């Protein structure tokens, strides 16, 4: 298990395949809030998305490395507040 306190604001989130997935806005509970700039296209544009901490493999060299490849990791992204779901 990694130490979530090592995740810094504006750190790059990278899939296990080395592909950019997003940028950390901040950690909220058991999720990483992504910056709006990395929130997708179309109807998803301009909304914060969240990535579960359970996908994080490690934090190294200022990057958050995920245990899943980027194409799989984005399917785990959640939009908005859980209370609204």
PDB file of N, CA and C in Angstrom:
ATOM      1  N   UNK A   1       0.854  -1.189   0.000  1.00  0.00           N
ATOM      2  CA  UNK A   1       0.000   0.000   0.000  1.00  0.00           C
ATOM      3  C   UNK A   1       0.891   1.241   0.000  1.00  0.00           C
ATOM      4  N   UNK A   2       0.531   2.221  -0.763  1.00  0.00           N
ATOM      5  CA  UNK A   2       1.299   3.454  -0.848  1.00  0.00           C
ATOM      6  C   UNK A   2       0.752   4.475   0.152  1.00  0.00           C
ATOM      7  N   UNK A   3       1.519   5.522   0.379  1.00  0.00           N
ATOM      8  CA  UNK A   3       1.132   6.599   1.285  1.00  0.00           C
ATOM      9  C   UNK A   3       0.469   7.701   0.467  1.00  0.00           C
ATOM     10  N   UNK A   4      -0.855   7.852   0.595  1.00  0.00           N
ATOM     11  CA  UNK A   4      -1.606   8.837  -0.196  1.00  0.00           C
ATOM     12  C   UNK A   4      -1.147  10.266   0.063  1.00  0.00           C
ATOM     13  N   UNK A   5      -0.513  10.510   1.207  1.00  0.00           N
ATOM     14  CA  UNK A   5      -0.035  11.870   1.491  1.00  0.00           C
ATOM     15  C   UNK A   5       1.119  12.268   0.572  1.00  0.00           C
ATOM     16  N   UNK A   6       1.697  11.307  -0.146  1.00  0.00           N
ATOM     17  CA  UNK A   6       2.772  11.608  -1.090  1.00  0.00           C
ATOM     18  C   UNK A   6       2.246  12.162  -2.416  1.00  0.00           C
ATOM     19  N   UNK A   7       0.940  12.088  -2.624  1.00  0.00           N
ATOM     20  CA  UNK A   7       0.357  12.604  -3.856  1.00  0.00           C
ATOM     21  C   UNK A   7       0.252  14.123  -3.737  1.00  0.00           C
ATOM     22  N   UNK A   8       0.934  14.814  -4.622  1.00  0.00           N
ATOM     23  CA  UNK A   8       0.996  16.270  -4.599  1.00  0.00           C
ATOM     24  C   UNK A   8       0.048  16.874  -5.630  1.00  0.00           C
ATOM     25  N   UNK A   9      -0.476  18.067  -5.315  1.00  0.00           N
ATOM     26  CA  UNK A   9      -1.297  18.797  -6.271  1.00  0.00           C
ATOM     27  C   UNK A   9      -0.483  19.051  -7.538  1.00  0.00           C
ATOM     28  N   UNK A  10      -1.141  18.956  -8.677  1.00  0.00           N
ATOM     29  CA  UNK A  10      -0.571  19.190 -10.005  1.00  0.00           C
ATOM     30  C   UNK A  10       0.396  18.099 -10.452  1.00  0.00           C
ATOM     31  N   UNK A  11       0.442  16.975  -9.725  1.00  0.00           N
ATOM     32  CA  UNK A  11       1.259  15.846 -10.173  1.00  0.00           C
ATOM     33  C   UNK A  11       0.584  15.189 -11.374  1.00  0.00           C
ATOM     34  N   UNK A  12       1.399  14.677 -12.268  1.00  0.00           N
ATOM     35  CA  UNK A  12       0.867  13.964 -13.425  1.00  0.00           C
ATOM     36  C   UNK A  12       0.427  12.569 -13.003  1.00  0.00           C
ATOM     37  N   UNK A  13      -0.718  12.126 -13.538  1.00  0.00           N
ATOM     38  CA  UNK A  13      -1.204  10.762 -13.324  1.00  0.00           C
ATOM     39  C   UNK A  13      -0.927   9.995 -14.611  1.00  0.00           C
ATOM     40  N   UNK A  14      -0.221   8.865 -14.467  1.00  0.00           N
ATOM     41  CA  UNK A  14       0.244   8.105 -15.616  1.00  0.00           C
ATOM     42  C   UNK A  14      -0.225   6.658 -15.493  1.00  0.00           C
ATOM     43  N   UNK A  15      -0.708   6.109 -16.595  1.00  0.00           N
ATOM     44  CA  UNK A  15      -1.096   4.705 -16.616  1.00  0.00           C
ATOM     45  C   UNK A  15       0.125   3.809 -16.558  1.00  0.00           C
ATOM     46  N   UNK A  16      -0.089   2.530 -16.316  1.00  0.00           N
ATOM     47  CA  UNK A  16       1.008   1.562 -16.256  1.00  0.00           C
ATOM     48  C   UNK A  16       1.762   1.497 -17.583  1.00  0.00           C
ATOM     49  N   UNK A  17       1.096   1.924 -18.656  1.00  0.00           N
ATOM     50  CA  UNK A  17       1.722   1.941 -19.978  1.00  0.00           C
ATOM     51  C   UNK A  17       2.506   3.222 -20.254  1.00  0.00           C
ATOM     52  N   UNK A  18       2.569   4.135 -19.261  1.00  0.00           N
ATOM     53  CA  UNK A  18       3.328   5.369 -19.401  1.00  0.00           C
ATOM     54  C   UNK A  18       2.577   6.506 -20.071  1.00  0.00           C
ATOM     55  N   UNK A  19       1.292   6.319 -20.359  1.00  0.00           N
ATOM     56  CA  UNK A  19       0.491   7.334 -21.046  1.00  0.00           C
ATOM     57  C   UNK A  19      -0.203   8.233 -20.023  1.00  0.00           C
ATOM     58  N   UNK A  20      -0.177   9.547 -20.290  1.00  0.00           N
ATOM     59  CA  UNK A  20      -0.812  10.544 -19.426  1.00  0.00           C
ATOM     60  C   UNK A  20      -2.308  10.255 -19.286  1.00  0.00           C
ATOM     61  N   UNK A  21      -2.782  10.241 -18.041  1.00  0.00           N
ATOM     62  CA  UNK A  21      -4.197  10.011 -17.749  1.00  0.00           C
ATOM     63  C   UNK A  21      -4.857  11.287 -17.226  1.00  0.00           C
ATOM     64  N   UNK A  22      -4.110  12.066 -16.453  1.00  0.00           N
ATOM     65  CA  UNK A  22      -4.686  13.281 -15.882  1.00  0.00           C
ATOM     66  C   UNK A  22      -3.678  14.019 -15.029  1.00  0.00           C
ATOM     67  N   UNK A  23      -4.182  15.056 -14.352  1.00  0.00           N
ATOM     68  CA  UNK A  23      -3.382  15.861 -13.449  1.00  0.00           C
ATOM     69  C   UNK A  23      -4.134  15.996 -12.137  1.00  0.00           C
ATOM     70  N   UNK A  24      -3.426  15.810 -11.033  1.00  0.00           N
ATOM     71  CA  UNK A  24      -4.041  15.869  -9.706  1.00  0.00           C
ATOM     72  C   UNK A  24      -4.465  17.301  -9.379  1.00  0.00           C
ATOM     73  N   UNK A  25      -5.718  17.464  -8.988  1.00  0.00           N
ATOM     74  CA  UNK A  25      -6.163  18.721  -8.392  1.00  0.00           C
ATOM     75  C   UNK A  25      -5.928  18.605  -6.887  1.00  0.00           C
ATOM     76  N   UNK A  26      -6.454  17.511  -6.296  1.00  0.00           N
ATOM     77  CA  UNK A  26      -6.204  17.204  -4.886  1.00  0.00           C
ATOM     78  C   UNK A  26      -6.778  15.825  -4.564  1.00  0.00           C
ATOM     79  N   UNK A  27      -6.423  15.317  -3.395  1.00  0.00           N
ATOM     80  CA  UNK A  27      -6.977  14.052  -2.909  1.00  0.00           C
ATOM     81  C   UNK A  27      -8.173  14.382  -2.026  1.00  0.00           C
ATOM     82  N   UNK A  28      -9.286  13.712  -2.292  1.00  0.00           N
ATOM     83  CA  UNK A  28     -10.505  13.868  -1.491  1.00  0.00           C
ATOM     84  C   UNK A  28     -10.958  12.483  -1.041  1.00  0.00           C
ATOM     85  N   UNK A  29     -10.748  12.198   0.231  1.00  0.00           N
ATOM     86  CA  UNK A  29     -11.138  10.891   0.757  1.00  0.00           C
ATOM     87  C   UNK A  29     -10.365   9.775   0.098  1.00  0.00           C
ATOM     88  N   UNK A  30     -11.078   8.855  -0.553  1.00  0.00           N
ATOM     89  CA  UNK A  30     -10.434   7.716  -1.207  1.00  0.00           C
ATOM     90  C   UNK A  30     -10.353   7.891  -2.721  1.00  0.00           C
ATOM     91  N   UNK A  31     -10.387   9.169  -3.165  1.00  0.00           N
ATOM     92  CA  UNK A  31     -10.330   9.455  -4.596  1.00  0.00           C
ATOM     93  C   UNK A  31      -9.371  10.616  -4.882  1.00  0.00           C
ATOM     94  N   UNK A  32      -8.855  10.625  -6.103  1.00  0.00           N
ATOM     95  CA  UNK A  32      -8.058  11.748  -6.589  1.00  0.00           C
ATOM     96  C   UNK A  32      -8.972  12.593  -7.470  1.00  0.00           C
ATOM     97  N   UNK A  33      -9.060  13.876  -7.161  1.00  0.00           N
ATOM     98  CA  UNK A  33      -9.821  14.807  -7.989  1.00  0.00           C
ATOM     99  C   UNK A  33      -8.882  15.306  -9.084  1.00  0.00           C
ATOM    100  N   UNK A  34      -9.275  15.147 -10.342  1.00  0.00           N
ATOM    101  CA  UNK A  34      -8.475  15.596 -11.467  1.00  0.00           C
ATOM    102  C   UNK A  34      -8.785  17.057 -11.780  1.00  0.00           C
ATOM    103  N   UNK A  35      -7.825  17.753 -12.352  1.00  0.00           N
ATOM    104  CA  UNK A  35      -8.056  19.135 -12.759  1.00  0.00           C
ATOM    105  C   UNK A  35      -9.083  19.169 -13.893  1.00  0.00           C
ATOM    106  N   UNK A  36      -9.787  20.277 -14.010  1.00  0.00           N
ATOM    107  CA  UNK A  36     -10.778  20.417 -15.077  1.00  0.00           C
ATOM    108  C   UNK A  36     -10.141  20.308 -16.459  1.00  0.00           C
ATOM    109  N   UNK A  37      -8.898  20.735 -16.579  1.00  0.00           N
ATOM    110  CA  UNK A  37      -8.212  20.683 -17.872  1.00  0.00           C
ATOM    111  C   UNK A  37      -8.067  19.249 -18.378  1.00  0.00           C
ATOM    112  N   UNK A  38      -8.080  18.276 -17.476  1.00  0.00           N
ATOM    113  CA  UNK A  38      -7.969  16.857 -17.841  1.00  0.00           C
ATOM    114  C   UNK A  38      -9.282  16.127 -17.642  1.00  0.00           C
ATOM    115  N   UNK A  39     -10.380  16.796 -17.944  1.00  0.00           N
ATOM    116  CA  UNK A  39     -11.687  16.214 -17.653  1.00  0.00           C
ATOM    117  C   UNK A  39     -12.421  15.696 -18.871  1.00  0.00           C
ATOM    118  N   UNK A  40     -11.742  15.482 -19.958  1.00  0.00           N
ATOM    119  CA  UNK A  40     -12.388  14.864 -21.100  1.00  0.00           C
ATOM    120  C   UNK A  40     -12.943  15.852 -22.111  1.00  0.00           C
ATOM    121  N   UNK A  41     -13.623  15.309 -23.077  1.00  0.00           N
ATOM    122  CA  UNK A  41     -14.138  16.087 -24.200  1.00  0.00           C
ATOM    123  C   UNK A  41     -15.663  16.082 -24.195  1.00  0.00           C
ATOM    124  N   UNK A  42     -16.229  16.881 -25.069  1.00  0.00           N
ATOM    125  CA  UNK A  42     -17.676  16.902 -25.256  1.00  0.00           C
ATOM    126  C   UNK A  42     -18.422  17.274 -23.994  1.00  0.00           C
ATOM    127  N   UNK A  43     -19.413  16.475 -23.624  1.00  0.00           N
ATOM    128  CA  UNK A  43     -20.234  16.779 -22.456  1.00  0.00           C
ATOM    129  C   UNK A  43     -19.457  16.647 -21.152  1.00  0.00           C
ATOM    130  N   UNK A  44     -18.310  15.966 -21.194  1.00  0.00           N
ATOM    131  CA  UNK A  44     -17.495  15.814 -19.986  1.00  0.00           C
ATOM    132  C   UNK A  44     -16.560  17.006 -19.772  1.00  0.00           C
ATOM    133  N   UNK A  45     -16.396  17.833 -20.781  1.00  0.00           N
ATOM    134  CA  UNK A  45     -15.483  18.965 -20.704  1.00  0.00           C
ATOM    135  C   UNK A  45     -15.935  19.950 -19.635  1.00  0.00           C
ATOM    136  N   UNK A  46     -14.991  20.410 -18.805  1.00  0.00           N
ATOM    137  CA  UNK A  46     -15.293  21.417 -17.801  1.00  0.00           C
ATOM    138  C   UNK A  46     -15.825  20.876 -16.488  1.00  0.00           C
ATOM    139  N   UNK A  47     -15.878  19.581 -16.336  1.00  0.00           N
ATOM    140  CA  UNK A  47     -16.320  18.957 -15.086  1.00  0.00           C
ATOM    141  C   UNK A  47     -15.128  18.266 -14.438  1.00  0.00           C
ATOM    142  N   UNK A  48     -15.071  18.301 -13.119  1.00  0.00           N
ATOM    143  CA  UNK A  48     -14.027  17.539 -12.429  1.00  0.00           C
ATOM    144  C   UNK A  48     -14.367  16.056 -12.500  1.00  0.00           C
ATOM    145  N   UNK A  49     -13.357  15.251 -12.694  1.00  0.00           N
ATOM    146  CA  UNK A  49     -13.496  13.805 -12.638  1.00  0.00           C
ATOM    147  C   UNK A  49     -12.636  13.297 -11.487  1.00  0.00           C
ATOM    148  N   UNK A  50     -12.918  12.096 -11.054  1.00  0.00           N
ATOM    149  CA  UNK A  50     -12.239  11.492  -9.917  1.00  0.00           C
ATOM    150  C   UNK A  50     -11.724  10.121 -10.296  1.00  0.00           C
ATOM    151  N   UNK A  51     -10.582   9.781  -9.726  1.00  0.00           N
ATOM    152  CA  UNK A  51      -9.949   8.487  -9.941  1.00  0.00           C
ATOM    153  C   UNK A  51      -9.818   7.811  -8.579  1.00  0.00           C
ATOM    154  N   UNK A  52     -10.256   6.565  -8.431  1.00  0.00           N
ATOM    155  CA  UNK A  52     -10.128   5.903  -7.130  1.00  0.00           C
ATOM    156  C   UNK A  52      -8.665   5.671  -6.740  1.00  0.00           C
ATOM    157  N   UNK A  53      -8.343   5.896  -5.473  1.00  0.00           N
ATOM    158  CA  UNK A  53      -6.989   5.662  -4.983  1.00  0.00           C
ATOM    159  C   UNK A  53      -6.584   4.197  -5.125  1.00  0.00           C
ATOM    160  N   UNK A  54      -7.551   3.310  -5.184  1.00  0.00           N
ATOM    161  CA  UNK A  54      -7.247   1.885  -5.304  1.00  0.00           C
ATOM    162  C   UNK A  54      -6.503   1.552  -6.598  1.00  0.00           C
ATOM    163  N   UNK A  55      -6.537   2.460  -7.590  1.00  0.00           N
ATOM    164  CA  UNK A  55      -5.817   2.229  -8.843  1.00  0.00           C
ATOM    165  C   UNK A  55      -4.358   2.649  -8.776  1.00  0.00           C
ATOM    166  N   UNK A  56      -3.959   3.362  -7.727  1.00  0.00           N
ATOM    167  CA  UNK A  56      -2.592   3.866  -7.632  1.00  0.00           C
ATOM    168  C   UNK A  56      -1.634   2.734  -7.256  1.00  0.00           C
ATOM    169  N   UNK A  57      -0.607   2.559  -8.071  1.00  0.00           N
ATOM    170  CA  UNK A  57       0.415   1.547  -7.794  1.00  0.00           C
ATOM    171  C   UNK A  57       1.530   2.145  -6.953  1.00  0.00           C
ATOM    172  N   UNK A  58       1.953   3.371  -7.316  1.00  0.00           N
ATOM    173  CA  UNK A  58       3.025   4.032  -6.580  1.00  0.00           C
ATOM    174  C   UNK A  58       3.074   5.509  -6.939  1.00  0.00           C
ATOM    175  N   UNK A  59       3.762   6.255  -6.104  1.00  0.00           N
ATOM    176  CA  UNK A  59       4.053   7.660  -6.370  1.00  0.00           C
ATOM    177  C   UNK A  59       5.568   7.757  -6.438  1.00  0.00           C
ATOM    178  N   UNK A  60       6.071   8.149  -7.612  1.00  0.00           N
ATOM    179  CA  UNK A  60       7.517   8.163  -7.811  1.00  0.00           C
ATOM    180  C   UNK A  60       7.897   9.314  -8.737  1.00  0.00           C
ATOM    181  N   UNK A  61       8.953  10.024  -8.377  1.00  0.00           N
ATOM    182  CA  UNK A  61       9.477  11.120  -9.189  1.00  0.00           C
ATOM    183  C   UNK A  61       8.407  12.160  -9.513  1.00  0.00           C
ATOM    184  N   UNK A  62       7.523  12.430  -8.543  1.00  0.00           N
ATOM    185  CA  UNK A  62       6.491  13.445  -8.722  1.00  0.00           C
ATOM    186  C   UNK A  62       5.335  13.027  -9.603  1.00  0.00           C
ATOM    187  N   UNK A  63       5.274  11.752  -9.957  1.00  0.00           N
ATOM    188  CA  UNK A  63       4.187  11.236 -10.785  1.00  0.00           C
ATOM    189  C   UNK A  63       3.407  10.184 -10.011  1.00  0.00           C
ATOM    190  N   UNK A  64       2.113  10.113 -10.300  1.00  0.00           N
ATOM    191  CA  UNK A  64       1.248   9.088  -9.730  1.00  0.00           C
ATOM    192  C   UNK A  64       1.102   7.998 -10.785  1.00  0.00           C
ATOM    193  N   UNK A  65       1.654   6.845 -10.490  1.00  0.00           N
ATOM    194  CA  UNK A  65       1.610   5.716 -11.420  1.00  0.00           C
ATOM    195  C   UNK A  65       0.452   4.797 -11.057  1.00  0.00           C
ATOM    196  N   UNK A  66      -0.352   4.450 -12.047  1.00  0.00           N
ATOM    197  CA  UNK A  66      -1.507   3.586 -11.833  1.00  0.00           C
ATOM    198  C   UNK A  66      -1.159   2.131 -12.117  1.00  0.00           C
ATOM    199  N   UNK A  67      -1.952   1.235 -11.572  1.00  0.00           N
ATOM    200  CA  UNK A  67      -1.743  -0.198 -11.791  1.00  0.00           C
ATOM    201  C   UNK A  67      -2.378  -0.669 -13.094  1.00  0.00           C
ATOM    202  N   UNK A  68      -3.171   0.187 -13.725  1.00  0.00           N
ATOM    203  CA  UNK A  68      -3.854  -0.160 -14.979  1.00  0.00           C
ATOM    204  C   UNK A  68      -3.323   0.699 -16.117  1.00  0.00           C
ATOM    205  N   UNK A  69      -3.380   0.166 -17.322  1.00  0.00           N
ATOM    206  CA  UNK A  69      -3.028   0.954 -18.495  1.00  0.00           C
ATOM    207  C   UNK A  69      -4.000   2.119 -18.640  1.00  0.00           C
ATOM    208  N   UNK A  70      -3.583   3.145 -19.337  1.00  0.00           N
ATOM    209  CA  UNK A  70      -4.371   4.368 -19.447  1.00  0.00           C
ATOM    210  C   UNK A  70      -5.762   4.134 -20.023  1.00  0.00           C
ATOM    211  N   UNK A  71      -5.880   3.298 -21.043  1.00  0.00           N
ATOM    212  CA  UNK A  71      -7.189   3.073 -21.665  1.00  0.00           C
ATOM    213  C   UNK A  71      -8.160   2.389 -20.712  1.00  0.00           C
ATOM    214  N   UNK A  72      -7.655   1.579 -19.809  1.00  0.00           N
ATOM    215  CA  UNK A  72      -8.503   0.930 -18.810  1.00  0.00           C
ATOM    216  C   UNK A  72      -8.780   1.881 -17.647  1.00  0.00           C
ATOM    217  N   UNK A  73      -7.767   2.630 -17.236  1.00  0.00           N
ATOM    218  CA  UNK A  73      -7.900   3.532 -16.090  1.00  0.00           C
ATOM    219  C   UNK A  73      -8.996   4.566 -16.297  1.00  0.00           C
ATOM    220  N   UNK A  74      -9.110   5.111 -17.511  1.00  0.00           N
ATOM    221  CA  UNK A  74     -10.119   6.145 -17.742  1.00  0.00           C
ATOM    222  C   UNK A  74     -11.535   5.611 -17.612  1.00  0.00           C
ATOM    223  N   UNK A  75     -11.712   4.303 -17.738  1.00  0.00           N
ATOM    224  CA  UNK A  75     -13.055   3.742 -17.554  1.00  0.00           C
ATOM    225  C   UNK A  75     -13.466   3.752 -16.089  1.00  0.00           C
ATOM    226  N   UNK A  76     -12.504   3.945 -15.186  1.00  0.00           N
ATOM    227  CA  UNK A  76     -12.793   4.010 -13.754  1.00  0.00           C
ATOM    228  C   UNK A  76     -13.059   5.429 -13.281  1.00  0.00           C
ATOM    229  N   UNK A  77     -12.881   6.421 -14.176  1.00  0.00           N
ATOM    230  CA  UNK A  77     -13.111   7.810 -13.779  1.00  0.00           C
ATOM    231  C   UNK A  77     -14.569   8.007 -13.398  1.00  0.00           C
ATOM    232  N   UNK A  78     -14.774   8.795 -12.364  1.00  0.00           N
ATOM    233  CA  UNK A  78     -16.104   9.122 -11.886  1.00  0.00           C
ATOM    234  C   UNK A  78     -16.300  10.615 -12.036  1.00  0.00           C
ATOM    235  N   UNK A  79     -17.508  11.016 -12.380  1.00  0.00           N
ATOM    236  CA  UNK A  79     -17.788  12.431 -12.547  1.00  0.00           C
ATOM    237  C   UNK A  79     -18.563  12.948 -11.341  1.00  0.00           C
ATOM    238  N   UNK A  80     -18.115  14.080 -10.813  1.00  0.00           N
ATOM    239  CA  UNK A  80     -18.865  14.795  -9.798  1.00  0.00           C
ATOM    240  C   UNK A  80     -18.869  14.175  -8.425  1.00  0.00           C
ATOM    241  N   UNK A  81     -19.800  14.660  -7.632  1.00  0.00           N
ATOM    242  CA  UNK A  81     -19.946  14.304  -6.229  1.00  0.00           C
ATOM    243  C   UNK A  81     -20.731  13.002  -6.103  1.00  0.00           C
ATOM    244  N   UNK A  82     -20.297  12.109  -5.234  1.00  0.00           N
ATOM    245  CA  UNK A  82     -20.993  10.831  -5.028  1.00  0.00           C
ATOM    246  C   UNK A  82     -22.428  11.021  -4.554  1.00  0.00           C
ATOM    247  N   UNK A  83     -22.666  12.060  -3.782  1.00  0.00           N
ATOM    248  CA  UNK A  83     -24.015  12.270  -3.246  1.00  0.00           C
ATOM    249  C   UNK A  83     -25.001  12.595  -4.362  1.00  0.00           C
ATOM    250  N   UNK A  84     -24.484  13.053  -5.501  1.00  0.00           N
ATOM    251  CA  UNK A  84     -25.342  13.378  -6.628  1.00  0.00           C
ATOM    252  C   UNK A  84     -25.628  12.156  -7.477  1.00  0.00           C
ATOM    253  N   UNK A  85     -24.907  11.037  -7.211  1.00  0.00           N
ATOM    254  CA  UNK A  85     -25.057   9.819  -8.031  1.00  0.00           C
ATOM    255  C   UNK A  85     -26.178   8.969  -7.511  1.00  0.00           C
TER     256      UNK A  85
END
